[in-house]
């Protein structure tokens, strides 16, 4: 079963990667895009999962690596 990241986990990972405090990142604009990307379902084409939007692909890759 696939487990997707929640928004809090996303910001913890973003803090580790960017070395910018999560509190600062959560105050940045367009947090709604991150939340939307984390909840976007994958588009299944046969055995290959594809999406069109780069921010969705990024969120999906991150959730697979963590989960």
N, C-alpha and C. Protein backbone atom coordinates (compact mmCIF):
# COMPACT_ATOMS: atom_id res chain seq x y z
N UNK A 1 0.85 -1.18 0.00
CA UNK A 1 0.00 0.00 0.00
C UNK A 1 0.89 1.24 0.00
N UNK A 2 0.52 2.21 -0.79
CA UNK A 2 1.29 3.44 -0.90
C UNK A 2 0.89 4.39 0.22
N UNK A 3 1.86 4.98 0.86
CA UNK A 3 1.61 5.97 1.89
C UNK A 3 2.18 7.29 1.40
N UNK A 4 1.34 8.29 1.31
CA UNK A 4 1.78 9.60 0.84
C UNK A 4 2.17 10.49 2.01
N UNK A 5 3.06 11.41 1.76
CA UNK A 5 3.48 12.36 2.78
C UNK A 5 2.36 13.33 3.12
N UNK A 6 2.34 13.76 4.36
CA UNK A 6 1.44 14.85 4.70
C UNK A 6 2.24 16.15 4.62
N UNK A 7 1.59 17.27 4.78
CA UNK A 7 2.24 18.56 4.59
C UNK A 7 3.33 18.79 5.63
N UNK A 8 3.14 18.35 6.85
CA UNK A 8 4.15 18.53 7.89
C UNK A 8 5.43 17.75 7.54
N UNK A 9 5.27 16.51 7.08
CA UNK A 9 6.42 15.71 6.69
C UNK A 9 7.15 16.34 5.51
N UNK A 10 6.38 16.89 4.58
CA UNK A 10 6.95 17.57 3.42
C UNK A 10 7.88 18.70 3.87
N UNK A 11 7.41 19.50 4.82
CA UNK A 11 8.22 20.64 5.27
C UNK A 11 9.43 20.20 6.09
N UNK A 12 9.32 19.12 6.82
CA UNK A 12 10.49 18.60 7.53
C UNK A 12 11.56 18.17 6.53
N UNK A 13 11.14 17.47 5.48
CA UNK A 13 12.09 17.06 4.45
C UNK A 13 12.66 18.27 3.71
N UNK A 14 11.80 19.23 3.41
CA UNK A 14 12.27 20.44 2.73
C UNK A 14 13.29 21.18 3.58
N UNK A 15 13.08 21.20 4.89
CA UNK A 15 14.04 21.83 5.80
C UNK A 15 15.39 21.12 5.75
N UNK A 16 15.36 19.80 5.74
CA UNK A 16 16.60 19.03 5.68
C UNK A 16 17.35 19.26 4.37
N UNK A 17 16.62 19.37 3.29
CA UNK A 17 17.24 19.53 1.98
C UNK A 17 17.76 20.94 1.78
N UNK A 18 16.95 21.94 2.14
CA UNK A 18 17.31 23.33 1.85
C UNK A 18 18.07 24.01 2.97
N UNK A 19 18.06 23.42 4.16
CA UNK A 19 18.66 24.01 5.35
C UNK A 19 18.02 25.35 5.73
N UNK A 20 16.77 25.53 5.31
CA UNK A 20 15.96 26.68 5.69
C UNK A 20 14.96 26.17 6.73
N UNK A 21 14.80 26.85 7.86
CA UNK A 21 13.87 26.37 8.88
C UNK A 21 12.46 26.13 8.33
N UNK A 22 11.83 25.05 8.77
CA UNK A 22 10.49 24.72 8.31
C UNK A 22 9.50 25.84 8.59
N UNK A 23 9.70 26.54 9.71
CA UNK A 23 8.81 27.66 10.05
C UNK A 23 8.86 28.73 8.97
N UNK A 24 10.04 28.98 8.45
CA UNK A 24 10.20 29.96 7.36
C UNK A 24 9.56 29.46 6.08
N UNK A 25 9.76 28.19 5.79
CA UNK A 25 9.19 27.62 4.57
C UNK A 25 7.66 27.64 4.59
N UNK A 26 7.08 27.40 5.75
CA UNK A 26 5.62 27.39 5.82
C UNK A 26 5.03 28.78 5.63
N UNK A 27 5.82 29.81 5.85
CA UNK A 27 5.34 31.18 5.66
C UNK A 27 5.54 31.67 4.23
N UNK A 28 6.22 30.87 3.42
CA UNK A 28 6.44 31.23 2.03
C UNK A 28 5.13 31.16 1.26
N UNK A 29 5.07 31.87 0.17
CA UNK A 29 3.87 31.85 -0.66
C UNK A 29 3.71 30.53 -1.38
N UNK A 30 2.51 30.23 -1.77
CA UNK A 30 2.15 29.07 -2.58
C UNK A 30 2.32 27.73 -1.86
N UNK A 31 2.13 27.72 -0.56
CA UNK A 31 2.14 26.46 0.19
C UNK A 31 1.01 25.57 -0.30
N UNK A 32 -0.05 26.19 -0.81
CA UNK A 32 -1.17 25.43 -1.34
C UNK A 32 -0.77 24.52 -2.50
N UNK A 33 0.25 24.93 -3.27
CA UNK A 33 0.72 24.08 -4.36
C UNK A 33 1.38 22.81 -3.84
N UNK A 34 2.13 22.94 -2.77
CA UNK A 34 2.76 21.76 -2.17
C UNK A 34 1.69 20.81 -1.64
N UNK A 35 0.70 21.36 -0.97
CA UNK A 35 -0.37 20.54 -0.43
C UNK A 35 -1.14 19.85 -1.56
N UNK A 36 -1.41 20.59 -2.60
CA UNK A 36 -2.12 20.03 -3.76
C UNK A 36 -1.30 18.91 -4.41
N UNK A 37 -0.01 19.14 -4.56
CA UNK A 37 0.85 18.13 -5.19
C UNK A 37 0.92 16.86 -4.35
N UNK A 38 0.92 17.01 -3.05
CA UNK A 38 0.99 15.83 -2.18
C UNK A 38 -0.29 14.99 -2.24
N UNK A 39 -1.39 15.62 -2.58
CA UNK A 39 -2.66 14.91 -2.63
C UNK A 39 -3.09 14.53 -4.04
N UNK A 40 -2.29 14.84 -5.03
CA UNK A 40 -2.64 14.53 -6.42
C UNK A 40 -2.47 13.03 -6.68
N UNK A 41 -3.49 12.42 -7.24
CA UNK A 41 -3.34 10.99 -7.56
C UNK A 41 -2.44 10.81 -8.77
N UNK A 42 -1.71 9.72 -8.82
CA UNK A 42 -0.87 9.46 -9.99
C UNK A 42 -1.74 9.08 -11.18
N UNK A 43 -1.25 9.34 -12.35
CA UNK A 43 -1.91 8.94 -13.58
C UNK A 43 -1.26 7.65 -14.04
N UNK A 44 -2.00 6.55 -13.97
CA UNK A 44 -1.44 5.25 -14.34
C UNK A 44 -1.67 4.96 -15.81
N UNK A 45 -0.59 4.66 -16.50
CA UNK A 45 -0.64 4.28 -17.91
C UNK A 45 0.06 2.93 -17.99
N UNK A 46 -0.73 1.88 -17.97
CA UNK A 46 -0.14 0.54 -17.94
C UNK A 46 0.58 0.35 -16.63
N UNK A 47 1.83 -0.04 -16.69
CA UNK A 47 2.60 -0.24 -15.47
C UNK A 47 3.47 0.98 -15.15
N UNK A 48 3.32 2.05 -15.94
CA UNK A 48 4.13 3.24 -15.75
C UNK A 48 3.26 4.35 -15.19
N UNK A 49 3.69 4.97 -14.11
CA UNK A 49 2.96 6.07 -13.52
C UNK A 49 3.52 7.38 -14.07
N UNK A 50 2.65 8.20 -14.62
CA UNK A 50 3.09 9.46 -15.21
C UNK A 50 2.20 10.60 -14.71
N UNK A 51 2.79 11.76 -14.62
CA UNK A 51 2.03 12.98 -14.36
C UNK A 51 2.56 14.06 -15.27
N UNK A 52 1.78 15.10 -15.45
CA UNK A 52 2.17 16.17 -16.36
C UNK A 52 2.88 17.31 -15.64
N UNK A 53 2.54 17.55 -14.39
CA UNK A 53 3.05 18.72 -13.70
C UNK A 53 4.32 18.40 -12.91
N UNK A 54 5.36 19.21 -13.07
CA UNK A 54 6.64 18.93 -12.39
C UNK A 54 6.51 18.89 -10.88
N UNK A 55 5.72 19.77 -10.27
CA UNK A 55 5.62 19.77 -8.81
C UNK A 55 4.91 18.52 -8.30
N UNK A 56 4.02 17.96 -9.11
CA UNK A 56 3.36 16.72 -8.72
C UNK A 56 4.35 15.56 -8.81
N UNK A 57 5.13 15.51 -9.89
CA UNK A 57 6.14 14.45 -10.02
C UNK A 57 7.12 14.50 -8.86
N UNK A 58 7.52 15.70 -8.46
CA UNK A 58 8.47 15.85 -7.37
C UNK A 58 7.88 15.32 -6.06
N UNK A 59 6.65 15.67 -5.78
CA UNK A 59 5.99 15.20 -4.55
C UNK A 59 5.84 13.69 -4.57
N UNK A 60 5.50 13.14 -5.73
CA UNK A 60 5.33 11.70 -5.81
C UNK A 60 6.66 10.96 -5.63
N UNK A 61 7.72 11.49 -6.22
CA UNK A 61 9.04 10.88 -6.05
C UNK A 61 9.44 10.90 -4.58
N UNK A 62 9.23 12.03 -3.94
CA UNK A 62 9.59 12.17 -2.54
C UNK A 62 8.81 11.18 -1.69
N UNK A 63 7.50 11.05 -1.95
CA UNK A 63 6.69 10.14 -1.15
C UNK A 63 7.12 8.70 -1.36
N UNK A 64 7.56 8.35 -2.55
CA UNK A 64 8.03 6.98 -2.80
C UNK A 64 9.35 6.71 -2.09
N UNK A 65 10.23 7.70 -2.07
CA UNK A 65 11.52 7.52 -1.44
C UNK A 65 11.40 7.40 0.08
N UNK A 66 10.46 8.12 0.65
CA UNK A 66 10.27 8.10 2.10
C UNK A 66 9.48 6.89 2.52
N UNK A 67 8.44 6.56 1.76
CA UNK A 67 7.53 5.47 2.12
C UNK A 67 8.05 4.18 1.79
